[in-house]
Protein backbone atom coordinates (compact mmCIF):
# COMPACT_ATOMS: atom_id res chain seq x y z
CA MET A 1 -9.04 -4.63 5.73
CA GLU A 2 -11.31 -6.72 7.96
CA GLY A 3 -14.36 -5.12 10.02
CA ASP A 4 -14.36 -1.67 11.00
CA PHE A 5 -13.55 -1.51 15.14
CA TYR A 6 -11.75 2.44 14.20
CA SER A 7 -15.02 3.61 13.16
CA THR A 8 -15.66 5.55 15.71
CA LYS A 9 -14.10 8.52 18.48
CA ALA A 10 -14.36 6.11 21.16
CA SER A 11 -12.95 2.85 20.32
CA VAL A 12 -9.74 5.36 18.73
CA LEU A 13 -9.43 7.43 22.02
CA GLN A 14 -9.39 3.29 23.62
CA TYR A 15 -6.60 2.22 21.82
CA VAL A 16 -4.71 5.63 22.03
CA GLU A 17 -4.98 5.13 25.66
CA SER A 18 -4.22 1.26 25.45
CA ALA A 19 -1.12 1.96 23.23
CA LYS A 20 0.42 5.32 25.24
CA ASP A 21 3.63 3.30 25.77
CA VAL A 22 4.17 1.54 22.81
CA ASN A 23 6.43 2.55 20.01
CA GLY A 24 8.51 0.90 16.99
CA ALA A 25 11.55 2.97 17.78
CA GLU A 26 13.75 -0.37 17.61
CA LEU A 27 12.54 -1.07 14.88
CA ILE A 28 13.41 2.14 13.24
CA GLU A 29 16.30 1.86 14.16
CA GLN A 30 17.13 -1.00 12.01
CA LEU A 31 15.67 1.24 9.19
CA LYS A 32 17.97 4.32 9.66
CA PRO A 33 21.19 1.93 7.78
CA ILE A 34 19.33 1.01 4.90
CA LEU A 35 16.86 3.92 3.90
CA SER A 36 19.31 7.23 4.17
CA ALA A 37 18.11 10.07 6.05
CA GLY A 38 15.71 12.96 4.32
CA SER A 39 14.14 10.02 2.09
CA ASN A 40 10.56 9.74 1.74
CA LEU A 41 8.79 7.40 3.48
CA LEU A 42 5.02 6.09 3.39
CA GLU A 43 4.09 4.77 6.93
CA ILE A 44 0.80 2.55 6.78
CA GLY A 45 -1.54 2.61 9.83
CA SER A 46 -0.10 5.29 11.09
CA GLY A 47 -2.89 4.69 14.05
CA PRO A 48 -1.67 7.58 16.75
CA GLY A 49 1.02 8.56 15.36
CA SER A 50 3.70 7.15 17.67
CA ASP A 51 5.98 6.24 14.65
CA TRP A 52 5.21 8.78 12.41
CA ALA A 53 6.54 11.27 15.15
CA ILE A 54 10.01 8.88 15.29
CA LEU A 55 10.08 8.57 11.85
CA ASN A 56 9.32 12.12 11.13
CA GLU A 57 12.52 12.62 13.20
CA THR A 58 14.54 11.05 10.20
CA TYR A 59 12.68 10.95 6.88
CA GLN A 60 9.82 12.70 5.11
CA VAL A 61 6.73 11.20 5.95
CA THR A 62 3.39 10.79 4.59
CA GLY A 63 1.20 9.11 7.09
CA SER A 64 -1.94 6.87 6.39
CA ASP A 65 -4.52 5.00 8.35
CA TYR A 66 -7.90 3.57 6.55
CA SER A 67 -9.91 5.03 9.78
CA VAL A 68 -11.17 8.32 9.21
CA GLU A 69 -11.38 8.94 12.53
CA PHE A 70 -7.51 7.91 13.63
CA LEU A 71 -6.98 10.41 10.54
CA ASP A 72 -8.84 13.32 12.52
CA TYR A 73 -6.84 12.51 15.46
CA LEU A 74 -3.67 12.46 13.47
CA GLN A 75 -4.73 15.85 12.34
CA GLU A 76 -5.58 17.51 15.05
CA ASN A 77 -2.16 16.09 17.10
CA TYR A 78 0.27 17.01 14.03
CA PRO A 79 -1.02 19.58 12.41
CA ALA A 80 2.00 20.35 10.36
CA GLY A 81 1.36 16.01 8.77
CA ASP A 82 0.71 14.81 5.91
CA PHE A 83 -1.92 11.81 5.93
CA LEU A 84 -3.50 10.18 3.15
CA GLN A 85 -6.76 8.18 3.94
CA LEU A 86 -5.38 4.84 2.62
CA ASN A 87 -6.49 1.02 2.10
CA ALA A 88 -3.51 -1.17 2.97
CA ALA A 89 -4.45 -3.85 0.41
CA THR A 90 -5.11 -1.37 -2.42
CA LEU A 91 -3.19 1.83 -1.67
CA ASN A 92 -4.15 3.70 -3.99
CA THR A 93 -1.81 6.96 -4.34
CA THR A 94 -0.60 8.60 -6.89
CA ASP A 95 2.43 9.57 -5.00
CA THR A 96 5.84 7.56 -4.65
CA PHE A 97 8.07 6.76 -2.04
CA ASP A 98 11.69 5.77 -1.40
CA GLY A 99 10.45 3.67 1.84
CA ILE A 100 7.03 2.26 3.05
CA TYR A 101 7.29 1.13 6.87
CA SER A 102 4.39 -0.43 8.45
CA ASN A 103 4.08 -1.46 12.16
CA LYS A 104 1.63 -4.48 13.37
CA VAL A 105 -0.55 -3.44 10.14
CA LEU A 106 -0.39 -5.77 7.48
CA HIS A 107 -1.52 -8.90 9.38
CA HIS A 108 -5.25 -7.27 9.64
CA LEU A 109 -5.35 -8.48 6.09
CA LYS A 110 -6.14 -12.24 4.47
CA ASP A 111 -3.84 -13.39 2.87
CA ALA A 112 -5.45 -12.43 -0.54
CA ASP A 113 -5.45 -8.80 -0.28
CA LEU A 114 -1.31 -9.34 1.53
CA VAL A 115 -0.44 -10.08 -1.69
CA SER A 116 -2.10 -7.22 -3.55
CA SER A 117 -0.59 -4.73 -0.92
CA ILE A 118 3.06 -6.41 -1.33
CA LYS A 119 2.41 -5.51 -5.23
CA ARG A 120 1.15 -2.55 -5.00
CA GLN A 121 4.03 -1.49 -2.57
CA SER A 122 6.69 -2.83 -5.38
CA GLU A 123 4.57 -0.15 -7.56
CA ILE A 124 4.36 2.92 -5.81
CA LEU A 125 8.67 2.54 -4.25
CA ASN A 126 10.53 4.28 -6.55
CA GLU A 127 14.24 2.10 -7.87
CA ASN A 128 16.00 0.80 -4.33
CA GLY A 129 13.11 1.75 -2.54
CA ILE A 130 13.32 -0.31 1.01
CA ILE A 131 10.21 -2.10 3.15
CA CYS A 132 9.89 -2.37 6.86
CA HIS A 133 7.45 -4.04 8.23
CA SER A 134 6.23 -5.81 10.75
CA PHE A 135 3.92 -8.95 11.69
CA TRP A 136 3.07 -11.29 14.70
CA LYS A 137 4.51 -14.65 14.37
CA GLY A 138 2.32 -17.89 14.20
CA SER A 139 0.11 -19.58 12.17
CA GLY A 140 -3.23 -19.29 11.29
CA ASP A 141 -6.19 -16.27 11.75
CA GLU A 142 -8.19 -15.02 14.68
CA TYR A 143 -10.17 -12.21 15.37
CA PHE A 144 -8.94 -10.86 18.64
CA LYS A 145 -10.98 -7.67 20.28
CA GLU A 146 -12.60 -7.20 17.29
CA MET A 147 -9.69 -7.20 15.02
CA TYR A 148 -8.75 -10.03 12.30
CA VAL A 149 -5.47 -11.22 12.95
CA ASN A 150 -3.37 -13.24 9.74
CA TYR A 151 -0.44 -14.90 11.54
CA HIS A 152 2.78 -15.16 10.10
CA LEU A 153 6.14 -17.19 9.46
CA GLU A 154 9.66 -16.38 8.42
CA GLU A 155 9.30 -18.78 5.21
CA GLU A 156 6.06 -17.56 4.29
CA LEU A 157 7.27 -13.97 4.40
CA LYS A 158 10.08 -14.96 2.76
CA SER A 159 8.01 -16.45 -0.83
CA LEU A 160 4.74 -13.59 -0.61
CA PHE A 161 7.41 -10.63 -0.65
CA GLY A 162 10.41 -12.05 -2.18
CA LYS A 163 8.69 -12.09 -5.96
CA TYR A 164 9.08 -7.97 -5.48
CA PHE A 165 11.55 -7.37 -3.39
CA ASP A 166 15.31 -8.93 -2.11
CA ILE A 167 15.21 -9.73 1.54
CA VAL A 168 17.83 -7.61 3.37
CA SER A 169 16.33 -9.92 6.96
CA ILE A 170 13.23 -11.64 8.42
CA SER A 171 13.97 -11.49 12.09
CA ALA A 172 12.24 -12.38 15.31
CA TYR A 173 11.91 -10.28 18.17
CA GLU A 174 10.06 -9.56 21.41
CA GLU A 175 6.98 -7.43 21.64
CA PHE A 176 5.86 -9.24 24.61
CA GLU A 177 7.17 -12.68 24.76
CA ALA A 178 10.16 -13.83 23.29
CA GLY A 179 10.35 -14.49 19.91
CA ASP A 180 6.19 -13.33 19.27
CA SER A 181 6.77 -10.78 16.36
CA LEU A 182 8.63 -10.53 12.87
CA LEU A 183 10.56 -7.90 11.21
CA VAL A 184 10.74 -7.54 7.24
CA LEU A 185 13.27 -5.69 6.02
CA GLY A 186 13.55 -6.09 2.31
CA LYS A 187 14.72 -3.74 -1.15
CA LYS A 188 12.85 -3.40 -4.56
CA LYS A 189 14.05 -5.65 -6.63
CA GLU A 190 15.36 -3.95 -9.86
């Protein structure tokens, strides 16, 4: 992942404050019909834990983040939680999961790292494993508030994920503006 914006406690607390009213509850509702309650799920990039807490109501969730500062925050705020330090590109873990979820995390990866992540996700998913990932919709890339952002379109995501996953759906949704985001749901190929 590019940069180390979340390497200080101050930047983590700044993000927590700015994202306090944002969560992926609507995205998680779309995951529920295709991933059974009680399944074990990896969240890539748990950040402040907003989605982790919602996911944890339905699934056995292992949270993760690349930032040690975010992991410290998560452990402090969710002391019973299970959290790993993971790079989203390499997902270096021996654990396996029924599902993998991320909310606006994988767009921080350059294309080659995203391909590596997708391949690794298929390797650590159990048979019939499910993915649920959101991205910013668009073309190109940029640094936004000191963070690398790689935009994607539906066809590109279909191509990237399609090698390892049967696409259940790729749908546009609104986070801030109509159609500014994409949600990818997929099932591990047999």
